[in-house]
Amino acid sequence: MAGELASLVSNPFSLATLNDGITRAVAQSFREDKFRPTMSEIRRRFNMCVDIFKMLHAKPFEWSVIRIVDEMGHGLRHKLDGIPWDPTKARSLYVPGPGAYQRFMR
C-alpha cells in the first residue's frame, strides 16, 4: 500500500499527509459502520481513497493534497453508501482547518 502512495506524490511531506488522511478516513468509516475490519475490506476502502485522490488531484480539479485529505472521509462515505458524490459542489475557496500545517511547524 505504501508503494502505491509513493507513486502518487513526490514530496515526503505530501506523502505523510496523504498516508495520514487515508488512514483516518478508513478508520473513521469502520467506526461509523461499527464493522470489524478485515484485510480485504481495508484494502477495498484504501483503493477507494486512492481513486478519490487520483480524481481530485488531476484536471479539472487539481486540488492540493491537504484539501483532498480534508474531503477524503466525505467522499469515502458517499462511495460506501452508494450515494452520488459531486466534489464540484464543495466550496470554491479553500482554507485548511486548524492544525493542517502543524506537522510542518515542528
PDB file of N, CA and C in Angstrom:
ATOM      1  N   MET A   1       0.817  -1.192   0.000  1.00  0.00           N
ATOM      2  CA  MET A   1       0.000   0.000   0.000  1.00  0.00           C
ATOM      3  C   MET A   1       0.861   1.256   0.000  1.00  0.00           C
ATOM      4  N   ALA A   2       1.938   1.236   0.780  1.00  0.00           N
ATOM      5  CA  ALA A   2       2.794   2.428   0.858  1.00  0.00           C
ATOM      6  C   ALA A   2       3.435   2.744  -0.489  1.00  0.00           C
ATOM      7  N   GLY A   3       3.802   1.710  -1.235  1.00  0.00           N
ATOM      8  CA  GLY A   3       4.395   1.930  -2.551  1.00  0.00           C
ATOM      9  C   GLY A   3       3.432   2.611  -3.501  1.00  0.00           C
ATOM     10  N   GLU A   4       2.150   2.264  -3.388  1.00  0.00           N
ATOM     11  CA  GLU A   4       1.145   2.904  -4.235  1.00  0.00           C
ATOM     12  C   GLU A   4       1.069   4.394  -3.941  1.00  0.00           C
ATOM     13  N   LEU A   5       1.114   4.752  -2.663  1.00  0.00           N
ATOM     14  CA  LEU A   5       1.033   6.167  -2.293  1.00  0.00           C
ATOM     15  C   LEU A   5       2.267   6.931  -2.756  1.00  0.00           C
ATOM     16  N   ALA A   6       3.430   6.316  -2.620  1.00  0.00           N
ATOM     17  CA  ALA A   6       4.670   6.981  -3.020  1.00  0.00           C
ATOM     18  C   ALA A   6       4.678   7.295  -4.509  1.00  0.00           C
ATOM     19  N   SER A   7       3.965   6.511  -5.295  1.00  0.00           N
ATOM     20  CA  SER A   7       3.915   6.785  -6.733  1.00  0.00           C
ATOM     21  C   SER A   7       2.965   7.941  -7.066  1.00  0.00           C
ATOM     22  N   LEU A   8       2.154   8.362  -6.103  1.00  0.00           N
ATOM     23  CA  LEU A   8       1.172   9.422  -6.356  1.00  0.00           C
ATOM     24  C   LEU A   8       1.716  10.824  -6.083  1.00  0.00           C
ATOM     25  N   VAL A   9       2.614  10.933  -5.119  1.00  0.00           N
ATOM     26  CA  VAL A   9       3.171  12.245  -4.760  1.00  0.00           C
ATOM     27  C   VAL A   9       4.679  12.127  -4.610  1.00  0.00           C
ATOM     28  N   SER A  10       5.390  13.204  -4.895  1.00  0.00           N
ATOM     29  CA  SER A  10       6.854  13.158  -4.830  1.00  0.00           C
ATOM     30  C   SER A  10       7.406  13.789  -3.555  1.00  0.00           C
ATOM     31  N   ASN A  11       6.674  14.673  -2.951  1.00  0.00           N
ATOM     32  CA  ASN A  11       7.112  15.374  -1.755  1.00  0.00           C
ATOM     33  C   ASN A  11       6.883  14.496  -0.520  1.00  0.00           C
ATOM     34  N   PRO A  12       7.904  14.285   0.332  1.00  0.00           N
ATOM     35  CA  PRO A  12       7.717  13.426   1.506  1.00  0.00           C
ATOM     36  C   PRO A  12       6.673  13.955   2.482  1.00  0.00           C
ATOM     37  N   PHE A  13       6.529  15.278   2.593  1.00  0.00           N
ATOM     38  CA  PHE A  13       5.510  15.837   3.475  1.00  0.00           C
ATOM     39  C   PHE A  13       4.109  15.553   2.927  1.00  0.00           C
ATOM     40  N   SER A  14       3.961  15.643   1.610  1.00  0.00           N
ATOM     41  CA  SER A  14       2.673  15.326   0.989  1.00  0.00           C
ATOM     42  C   SER A  14       2.354  13.848   1.141  1.00  0.00           C
ATOM     43  N   LEU A  15       3.368  13.015   1.030  1.00  0.00           N
ATOM     44  CA  LEU A  15       3.175  11.577   1.201  1.00  0.00           C
ATOM     45  C   LEU A  15       2.696  11.264   2.617  1.00  0.00           C
ATOM     46  N   ALA A  16       3.325  11.887   3.614  1.00  0.00           N
ATOM     47  CA  ALA A  16       2.910  11.677   5.000  1.00  0.00           C
ATOM     48  C   ALA A  16       1.486  12.178   5.229  1.00  0.00           C
ATOM     49  N   THR A  17       1.161  13.326   4.654  1.00  0.00           N
ATOM     50  CA  THR A  17      -0.183  13.891   4.788  1.00  0.00           C
ATOM     51  C   THR A  17      -1.217  12.976   4.151  1.00  0.00           C
ATOM     52  N   LEU A  18      -0.915  12.478   2.966  1.00  0.00           N
ATOM     53  CA  LEU A  18      -1.831  11.580   2.266  1.00  0.00           C
ATOM     54  C   LEU A  18      -2.005  10.280   3.037  1.00  0.00           C
ATOM     55  N   ASN A  19      -0.915   9.730   3.524  1.00  0.00           N
ATOM     56  CA  ASN A  19      -0.979   8.489   4.300  1.00  0.00           C
ATOM     57  C   ASN A  19      -1.846   8.673   5.544  1.00  0.00           C
ATOM     58  N   ASP A  20      -1.622   9.751   6.282  1.00  0.00           N
ATOM     59  CA  ASP A  20      -2.424  10.038   7.476  1.00  0.00           C
ATOM     60  C   ASP A  20      -3.894  10.232   7.124  1.00  0.00           C
ATOM     61  N   GLY A  21      -4.147  10.944   6.037  1.00  0.00           N
ATOM     62  CA  GLY A  21      -5.526  11.222   5.637  1.00  0.00           C
ATOM     63  C   GLY A  21      -6.286   9.969   5.256  1.00  0.00           C
ATOM     64  N   ILE A  22      -5.654   9.093   4.508  1.00  0.00           N
ATOM     65  CA  ILE A  22      -6.314   7.845   4.117  1.00  0.00           C
ATOM     66  C   ILE A  22      -6.534   6.970   5.343  1.00  0.00           C
ATOM     67  N   THR A  23      -5.536   6.904   6.216  1.00  0.00           N
ATOM     68  CA  THR A  23      -5.680   6.105   7.434  1.00  0.00           C
ATOM     69  C   THR A  23      -6.845   6.603   8.276  1.00  0.00           C
ATOM     70  N   ARG A  24      -6.945   7.918   8.441  1.00  0.00           N
ATOM     71  CA  ARG A  24      -8.048   8.492   9.228  1.00  0.00           C
ATOM     72  C   ARG A  24      -9.395   8.233   8.565  1.00  0.00           C
ATOM     73  N   ALA A  25      -9.466   8.409   7.254  1.00  0.00           N
ATOM     74  CA  ALA A  25     -10.741   8.221   6.546  1.00  0.00           C
ATOM     75  C   ALA A  25     -11.212   6.769   6.652  1.00  0.00           C
ATOM     76  N   VAL A  26     -10.309   5.829   6.453  1.00  0.00           N
ATOM     77  CA  VAL A  26     -10.671   4.410   6.523  1.00  0.00           C
ATOM     78  C   VAL A  26     -11.064   4.038   7.953  1.00  0.00           C
ATOM     79  N   ALA A  27     -10.281   4.472   8.941  1.00  0.00           N
ATOM     80  CA  ALA A  27     -10.600   4.165  10.339  1.00  0.00           C
ATOM     81  C   ALA A  27     -11.951   4.743  10.734  1.00  0.00           C
ATOM     82  N   GLN A  28     -12.199   5.996  10.333  1.00  0.00           N
ATOM     83  CA  GLN A  28     -13.487   6.623  10.656  1.00  0.00           C
ATOM     84  C   GLN A  28     -14.638   5.871  10.008  1.00  0.00           C
ATOM     85  N   SER A  29     -14.445   5.393   8.790  1.00  0.00           N
ATOM     86  CA  SER A  29     -15.524   4.664   8.110  1.00  0.00           C
ATOM     87  C   SER A  29     -15.858   3.373   8.850  1.00  0.00           C
ATOM     88  N   PHE A  30     -14.855   2.706   9.406  1.00  0.00           N
ATOM     89  CA  PHE A  30     -15.121   1.495  10.182  1.00  0.00           C
ATOM     90  C   PHE A  30     -15.826   1.834  11.493  1.00  0.00           C
ATOM     91  N   ARG A  31     -15.439   2.944  12.127  1.00  0.00           N
ATOM     92  CA  ARG A  31     -16.136   3.355  13.360  1.00  0.00           C
ATOM     93  C   ARG A  31     -17.594   3.673  13.070  1.00  0.00           C
ATOM     94  N   GLU A  32     -17.855   4.388  11.989  1.00  0.00           N
ATOM     95  CA  GLU A  32     -19.231   4.748  11.640  1.00  0.00           C
ATOM     96  C   GLU A  32     -20.062   3.516  11.314  1.00  0.00           C
ATOM     97  N   ASP A  33     -19.446   2.542  10.656  1.00  0.00           N
ATOM     98  CA  ASP A  33     -20.172   1.328  10.260  1.00  0.00           C
ATOM     99  C   ASP A  33     -20.259   0.303  11.379  1.00  0.00           C
ATOM    100  N   LYS A  34     -19.520   0.548  12.470  1.00  0.00           N
ATOM    101  CA  LYS A  34     -19.447  -0.414  13.573  1.00  0.00           C
ATOM    102  C   LYS A  34     -19.123  -1.801  13.023  1.00  0.00           C
ATOM    103  N   PHE A  35     -18.101  -1.825  12.201  1.00  0.00           N
ATOM    104  CA  PHE A  35     -17.714  -3.003  11.435  1.00  0.00           C
ATOM    105  C   PHE A  35     -16.299  -3.391  11.825  1.00  0.00           C
ATOM    106  N   ARG A  36     -16.076  -4.654  12.092  1.00  0.00           N
ATOM    107  CA  ARG A  36     -14.717  -5.122  12.406  1.00  0.00           C
ATOM    108  C   ARG A  36     -13.958  -5.289  11.094  1.00  0.00           C
ATOM    109  N   PRO A  37     -12.839  -4.565  10.951  1.00  0.00           N
ATOM    110  CA  PRO A  37     -12.130  -4.581   9.670  1.00  0.00           C
ATOM    111  C   PRO A  37     -11.471  -5.922   9.354  1.00  0.00           C
ATOM    112  N   THR A  38     -11.572  -6.297   8.100  1.00  0.00           N
ATOM    113  CA  THR A  38     -10.817  -7.428   7.571  1.00  0.00           C
ATOM    114  C   THR A  38      -9.779  -6.846   6.617  1.00  0.00           C
ATOM    115  N   MET A  39      -8.738  -7.594   6.324  1.00  0.00           N
ATOM    116  CA  MET A  39      -7.705  -7.084   5.421  1.00  0.00           C
ATOM    117  C   MET A  39      -8.279  -6.772   4.035  1.00  0.00           C
ATOM    118  N   SER A  40      -9.179  -7.603   3.553  1.00  0.00           N
ATOM    119  CA  SER A  40      -9.743  -7.345   2.226  1.00  0.00           C
ATOM    120  C   SER A  40     -10.603  -6.080   2.224  1.00  0.00           C
ATOM    121  N   GLU A  41     -11.311  -5.828   3.319  1.00  0.00           N
ATOM    122  CA  GLU A  41     -12.141  -4.615   3.382  1.00  0.00           C
ATOM    123  C   GLU A  41     -11.274  -3.369   3.577  1.00  0.00           C
ATOM    124  N   ILE A  42     -10.202  -3.513   4.336  1.00  0.00           N
ATOM    125  CA  ILE A  42      -9.271  -2.390   4.477  1.00  0.00           C
ATOM    126  C   ILE A  42      -8.693  -2.039   3.113  1.00  0.00           C
ATOM    127  N   ARG A  43      -8.277  -3.038   2.363  1.00  0.00           N
ATOM    128  CA  ARG A  43      -7.708  -2.839   1.023  1.00  0.00           C
ATOM    129  C   ARG A  43      -8.735  -2.187   0.095  1.00  0.00           C
ATOM    130  N   ARG A  44      -9.985  -2.651   0.148  1.00  0.00           N
ATOM    131  CA  ARG A  44     -11.037  -2.091  -0.705  1.00  0.00           C
ATOM    132  C   ARG A  44     -11.247  -0.606  -0.409  1.00  0.00           C
ATOM    133  N   ARG A  45     -11.316  -0.267   0.864  1.00  0.00           N
ATOM    134  CA  ARG A  45     -11.523   1.139   1.247  1.00  0.00           C
ATOM    135  C   ARG A  45     -10.291   1.982   0.932  1.00  0.00           C
ATOM    136  N   PHE A  46      -9.104   1.423   1.126  1.00  0.00           N
ATOM    137  CA  PHE A  46      -7.871   2.107   0.741  1.00  0.00           C
ATOM    138  C   PHE A  46      -7.896   2.430  -0.745  1.00  0.00           C
ATOM    139  N   ASN A  47      -8.261   1.453  -1.563  1.00  0.00           N
ATOM    140  CA  ASN A  47      -8.308   1.673  -3.014  1.00  0.00           C
ATOM    141  C   ASN A  47      -9.341   2.725  -3.391  1.00  0.00           C
ATOM    142  N   MET A  48     -10.455   2.779  -2.680  1.00  0.00           N
ATOM    143  CA  MET A  48     -11.445   3.833  -2.927  1.00  0.00           C
ATOM    144  C   MET A  48     -10.826   5.204  -2.647  1.00  0.00           C
ATOM    145  N   CYS A  49     -10.068   5.299  -1.559  1.00  0.00           N
ATOM    146  CA  CYS A  49      -9.415   6.568  -1.213  1.00  0.00           C
ATOM    147  C   CYS A  49      -8.373   6.954  -2.262  1.00  0.00           C
ATOM    148  N   VAL A  50      -7.622   5.982  -2.755  1.00  0.00           N
ATOM    149  CA  VAL A  50      -6.639   6.260  -3.808  1.00  0.00           C
ATOM    150  C   VAL A  50      -7.355   6.771  -5.056  1.00  0.00           C
ATOM    151  N   ASP A  51      -8.483   6.166  -5.406  1.00  0.00           N
ATOM    152  CA  ASP A  51      -9.259   6.630  -6.563  1.00  0.00           C
ATOM    153  C   ASP A  51      -9.750   8.065  -6.357  1.00  0.00           C
ATOM    154  N   ILE A  52     -10.199   8.368  -5.146  1.00  0.00           N
ATOM    155  CA  ILE A  52     -10.641   9.732  -4.829  1.00  0.00           C
ATOM    156  C   ILE A  52      -9.474  10.698  -4.996  1.00  0.00           C
ATOM    157  N   PHE A  53      -8.303  10.314  -4.478  1.00  0.00           N
ATOM    158  CA  PHE A  53      -7.131  11.172  -4.610  1.00  0.00           C
ATOM    159  C   PHE A  53      -6.790  11.418  -6.074  1.00  0.00           C
ATOM    160  N   LYS A  54      -6.732  10.358  -6.861  1.00  0.00           N
ATOM    161  CA  LYS A  54      -6.375  10.495  -8.273  1.00  0.00           C
ATOM    162  C   LYS A  54      -7.345  11.414  -9.001  1.00  0.00           C
ATOM    163  N   MET A  55      -8.627  11.286  -8.700  1.00  0.00           N
ATOM    164  CA  MET A  55      -9.633  12.117  -9.360  1.00  0.00           C
ATOM    165  C   MET A  55      -9.458  13.595  -8.989  1.00  0.00           C
ATOM    166  N   LEU A  56      -9.273  13.872  -7.695  1.00  0.00           N
ATOM    167  CA  LEU A  56      -9.232  15.254  -7.235  1.00  0.00           C
ATOM    168  C   LEU A  56      -7.882  15.935  -7.461  1.00  0.00           C
ATOM    169  N   HIS A  57      -6.837  15.145  -7.636  1.00  0.00           N
ATOM    170  CA  HIS A  57      -5.506  15.738  -7.840  1.00  0.00           C
ATOM    171  C   HIS A  57      -5.258  16.055  -9.319  1.00  0.00           C
ATOM    172  N   ALA A  58      -6.007  15.408 -10.194  1.00  0.00           N
ATOM    173  CA  ALA A  58      -5.844  15.605 -11.638  1.00  0.00           C
ATOM    174  C   ALA A  58      -6.763  16.730 -12.124  1.00  0.00           C
ATOM    175  N   LYS A  59      -6.628  17.070 -13.402  1.00  0.00           N
ATOM    176  CA  LYS A  59      -7.528  18.053 -14.009  1.00  0.00           C
ATOM    177  C   LYS A  59      -8.911  17.455 -14.076  1.00  0.00           C
ATOM    178  N   PRO A  60      -9.941  18.202 -13.955  1.00  0.00           N
ATOM    179  CA  PRO A  60     -10.034  19.649 -13.851  1.00  0.00           C
ATOM    180  C   PRO A  60      -9.902  20.179 -12.428  1.00  0.00           C
ATOM    181  N   PHE A  61      -9.842  19.297 -11.421  1.00  0.00           N
ATOM    182  CA  PHE A  61      -9.837  19.769 -10.037  1.00  0.00           C
ATOM    183  C   PHE A  61      -8.479  20.354  -9.623  1.00  0.00           C
ATOM    184  N   GLU A  62      -7.433  19.559  -9.738  1.00  0.00           N
ATOM    185  CA  GLU A  62      -6.079  19.945  -9.332  1.00  0.00           C
ATOM    186  C   GLU A  62      -6.033  20.462  -7.894  1.00  0.00           C
ATOM    187  N   TRP A  63      -6.698  19.748  -7.007  1.00  0.00           N
ATOM    188  CA  TRP A  63      -6.716  20.130  -5.599  1.00  0.00           C
ATOM    189  C   TRP A  63      -5.380  19.797  -4.948  1.00  0.00           C
ATOM    190  N   SER A  64      -5.063  20.519  -3.881  1.00  0.00           N
ATOM    191  CA  SER A  64      -3.850  20.233  -3.105  1.00  0.00           C
ATOM    192  C   SER A  64      -4.067  18.961  -2.289  1.00  0.00           C
ATOM    193  N   VAL A  65      -2.977  18.378  -1.843  1.00  0.00           N
ATOM    194  CA  VAL A  65      -3.058  17.156  -1.042  1.00  0.00           C
ATOM    195  C   VAL A  65      -3.837  17.414   0.248  1.00  0.00           C
ATOM    196  N   ILE A  66      -3.585  18.545   0.876  1.00  0.00           N
ATOM    197  CA  ILE A  66      -4.276  18.853   2.133  1.00  0.00           C
ATOM    198  C   ILE A  66      -5.774  18.992   1.917  1.00  0.00           C
ATOM    199  N   ARG A  67      -6.166  19.637   0.849  1.00  0.00           N
ATOM    200  CA  ARG A  67      -7.595  19.794   0.566  1.00  0.00           C
ATOM    201  C   ARG A  67      -8.236  18.440   0.283  1.00  0.00           C
ATOM    202  N   ILE A  68      -7.545  17.597  -0.462  1.00  0.00           N
ATOM    203  CA  ILE A  68      -8.076  16.268  -0.766  1.00  0.00           C
ATOM    204  C   ILE A  68      -8.241  15.468   0.519  1.00  0.00           C
ATOM    205  N   VAL A  69      -7.240  15.521   1.386  1.00  0.00           N
ATOM    206  CA  VAL A  69      -7.308  14.782   2.652  1.00  0.00           C
ATOM    207  C   VAL A  69      -8.485  15.273   3.491  1.00  0.00           C
ATOM    208  N   ASP A  70      -8.727  16.578   3.488  1.00  0.00           N
ATOM    209  CA  ASP A  70      -9.863  17.125   4.243  1.00  0.00           C
ATOM    210  C   ASP A  70     -11.204  16.611   3.718  1.00  0.00           C
ATOM    211  N   GLU A  71     -11.305  16.321   2.437  1.00  0.00           N
ATOM    212  CA  GLU A  71     -12.548  15.842   1.830  1.00  0.00           C
ATOM    213  C   GLU A  71     -12.613  14.317   1.711  1.00  0.00           C
ATOM    214  N   MET A  72     -11.504  13.639   1.987  1.00  0.00           N
ATOM    215  CA  MET A  72     -11.405  12.195   1.766  1.00  0.00           C
ATOM    216  C   MET A  72     -12.502  11.403   2.496  1.00  0.00           C
ATOM    217  N   GLY A  73     -12.711  11.686   3.756  1.00  0.00           N
ATOM    218  CA  GLY A  73     -13.711  10.954   4.526  1.00  0.00           C
ATOM    219  C   GLY A  73     -15.111  11.137   3.962  1.00  0.00           C
ATOM    220  N   HIS A  74     -15.387  12.344   3.526  1.00  0.00           N
ATOM    221  CA  HIS A  74     -16.702  12.652   2.947  1.00  0.00           C
ATOM    222  C   HIS A  74     -16.917  11.853   1.658  1.00  0.00           C
ATOM    223  N   GLY A  75     -15.904  11.855   0.799  1.00  0.00           N
ATOM    224  CA  GLY A  75     -16.002  11.108  -0.459  1.00  0.00           C
ATOM    225  C   GLY A  75     -16.099   9.609  -0.232  1.00  0.00           C
ATOM    226  N   LEU A  76     -15.312   9.097   0.711  1.00  0.00           N
ATOM    227  CA  LEU A  76     -15.362   7.667   1.014  1.00  0.00           C
ATOM    228  C   LEU A  76     -16.727   7.275   1.550  1.00  0.00           C
ATOM    229  N   ARG A  77     -17.270   8.096   2.435  1.00  0.00           N
ATOM    230  CA  ARG A  77     -18.586   7.781   2.997  1.00  0.00           C
ATOM    231  C   ARG A  77     -19.636   7.695   1.892  1.00  0.00           C
ATOM    232  N   HIS A  78     -19.609   8.624   0.962  1.00  0.00           N
ATOM    233  CA  HIS A  78     -20.561   8.593  -0.145  1.00  0.00           C
ATOM    234  C   HIS A  78     -20.384   7.336  -0.991  1.00  0.00           C
ATOM    235  N   LYS A  79     -19.153   6.995  -1.291  1.00  0.00           N
ATOM    236  CA  LYS A  79     -18.896   5.792  -2.101  1.00  0.00           C
ATOM    237  C   LYS A  79     -19.369   4.532  -1.381  1.00  0.00           C
ATOM    238  N   LEU A  80     -19.102   4.432  -0.092  1.00  0.00           N
ATOM    239  CA  LEU A  80     -19.518   3.256   0.667  1.00  0.00           C
ATOM    240  C   LEU A  80     -21.037   3.131   0.751  1.00  0.00           C
ATOM    241  N   ASP A  81     -21.719   4.268   0.849  1.00  0.00           N
ATOM    242  CA  ASP A  81     -23.178   4.265   0.959  1.00  0.00           C
ATOM    243  C   ASP A  81     -23.864   4.205  -0.399  1.00  0.00           C
ATOM    244  N   GLY A  82     -23.080   4.280  -1.481  1.00  0.00           N
ATOM    245  CA  GLY A  82     -23.660   4.232  -2.821  1.00  0.00           C
ATOM    246  C   GLY A  82     -24.393   5.504  -3.197  1.00  0.00           C
ATOM    247  N   ILE A  83     -24.020   6.595  -2.548  1.00  0.00           N
ATOM    248  CA  ILE A  83     -24.648   7.889  -2.811  1.00  0.00           C
ATOM    249  C   ILE A  83     -23.772   8.650  -3.800  1.00  0.00           C
ATOM    250  N   PRO A  84     -24.349   9.228  -4.849  1.00  0.00           N
ATOM    251  CA  PRO A  84     -23.533  10.013  -5.782  1.00  0.00           C
ATOM    252  C   PRO A  84     -22.826  11.144  -5.047  1.00  0.00           C
ATOM    253  N   TRP A  85     -21.568  11.342  -5.378  1.00  0.00           N
ATOM    254  CA  TRP A  85     -20.762  12.383  -4.752  1.00  0.00           C
ATOM    255  C   TRP A  85     -20.230  13.306  -5.826  1.00  0.00           C
ATOM    256  N   ASP A  86     -20.546  14.571  -5.689  1.00  0.00           N
ATOM    257  CA  ASP A  86     -20.108  15.559  -6.660  1.00  0.00           C
ATOM    258  C   ASP A  86     -19.171  16.551  -5.984  1.00  0.00           C
ATOM    259  N   PRO A  87     -17.862  16.350  -6.122  1.00  0.00           N
ATOM    260  CA  PRO A  87     -16.926  17.264  -5.458  1.00  0.00           C
ATOM    261  C   PRO A  87     -16.982  18.690  -5.988  1.00  0.00           C
ATOM    262  N   THR A  88     -17.620  18.914  -7.134  1.00  0.00           N
ATOM    263  CA  THR A  88     -17.746  20.283  -7.642  1.00  0.00           C
ATOM    264  C   THR A  88     -18.668  21.108  -6.759  1.00  0.00           C
ATOM    265  N   LYS A  89     -19.458  20.432  -5.932  1.00  0.00           N
ATOM    266  CA  LYS A  89     -20.342  21.148  -5.003  1.00  0.00           C
ATOM    267  C   LYS A  89     -19.574  21.647  -3.779  1.00  0.00           C
ATOM    268  N   ALA A  90     -18.330  21.198  -3.612  1.00  0.00           N
ATOM    269  CA  ALA A  90     -17.510  21.658  -2.490  1.00  0.00           C
ATOM    270  C   ALA A  90     -17.205  23.138  -2.678  1.00  0.00           C
ATOM    271  N   ARG A  91     -16.877  23.768  -1.610  1.00  0.00           N
ATOM    272  CA  ARG A  91     -16.605  25.211  -1.661  1.00  0.00           C
ATOM    273  C   ARG A  91     -15.509  25.535  -2.674  1.00  0.00           C
ATOM    274  N   SER A  92     -15.624  26.686  -3.314  1.00  0.00           N
ATOM    275  CA  SER A  92     -14.631  27.063  -4.311  1.00  0.00           C
ATOM    276  C   SER A  92     -13.412  27.722  -3.662  1.00  0.00           C
ATOM    277  N   LEU A  93     -13.584  28.306  -2.483  1.00  0.00           N
ATOM    278  CA  LEU A  93     -12.458  28.867  -1.741  1.00  0.00           C
ATOM    279  C   LEU A  93     -12.132  27.909  -0.620  1.00  0.00           C
ATOM    280  N   TYR A  94     -10.886  27.499  -0.544  1.00  0.00           N
ATOM    281  CA  TYR A  94     -10.493  26.518   0.459  1.00  0.00           C
ATOM    282  C   TYR A  94      -9.469  27.110   1.407  1.00  0.00           C
ATOM    283  N   VAL A  95      -9.748  27.003   2.688  1.00  0.00           N
ATOM    284  CA  VAL A  95      -8.809  27.392   3.735  1.00  0.00           C
ATOM    285  C   VAL A  95      -8.654  26.175   4.638  1.00  0.00           C
ATOM    286  N   PRO A  96      -7.438  25.650   4.781  1.00  0.00           N
ATOM    287  CA  PRO A  96      -7.247  24.464   5.616  1.00  0.00           C
ATOM    288  C   PRO A  96      -7.697  24.708   7.048  1.00  0.00           C
ATOM    289  N   GLY A  97      -8.213  23.663   7.662  1.00  0.00           N
ATOM    290  CA  GLY A  97      -8.672  23.753   9.040  1.00  0.00           C
ATOM    291  C   GLY A  97      -7.512  23.887  10.017  1.00  0.00           C
ATOM    292  N   PRO A  98      -7.851  24.100  11.292  1.00  0.00           N
ATOM    293  CA  PRO A  98      -6.807  24.254  12.306  1.00  0.00           C
ATOM    294  C   PRO A  98      -5.932  23.001  12.375  1.00  0.00           C
ATOM    295  N   GLY A  99      -4.649  23.204  12.494  1.00  0.00           N
ATOM    296  CA  GLY A  99      -3.713  22.095  12.625  1.00  0.00           C
ATOM    297  C   GLY A  99      -3.300  21.451  11.319  1.00  0.00           C
ATOM    298  N   ALA A 100      -3.800  21.934  10.195  1.00  0.00           N
ATOM    299  CA  ALA A 100      -3.485  21.308   8.906  1.00  0.00           C
ATOM    300  C   ALA A 100      -1.996  21.341   8.610  1.00  0.00           C
ATOM    301  N   TYR A 101      -1.318  22.400   9.037  1.00  0.00           N
ATOM    302  CA  TYR A 101       0.112  22.526   8.766  1.00  0.00           C
ATOM    303  C   TYR A 101       0.962  22.251  10.000  1.00  0.00           C
ATOM    304  N   GLN A 102       0.352  21.768  11.054  1.00  0.00           N
ATOM    305  CA  GLN A 102       1.060  21.572  12.314  1.00  0.00           C
ATOM    306  C   GLN A 102       2.265  20.655  12.144  1.00  0.00           C
ATOM    307  N   ARG A 103       2.156  19.618  11.331  1.00  0.00           N
ATOM    308  CA  ARG A 103       3.251  18.673  11.146  1.00  0.00           C
ATOM    309  C   ARG A 103       4.487  19.364  10.583  1.00  0.00           C
ATOM    310  N   PHE A 104       4.312  20.431   9.800  1.00  0.00           N
ATOM    311  CA  PHE A 104       5.441  21.091   9.164  1.00  0.00           C
ATOM    312  C   PHE A 104       6.106  22.116  10.076  1.00  0.00           C
ATOM    313  N   MET A 105       5.434  22.463  11.158  1.00  0.00           N
ATOM    314  CA  MET A 105       5.945  23.504  12.039  1.00  0.00           C
ATOM    315  C   MET A 105       6.815  22.945  13.156  1.00  0.00           C
ATOM    316  N   ARG A 106       7.012  21.656  13.220  1.00  0.00           N
ATOM    317  CA  ARG A 106       7.795  21.053  14.306  1.00  0.00           C
ATOM    318  C   ARG A 106       9.254  21.208  14.051  1.00  0.00           C
TER     319      ARG A 106
END
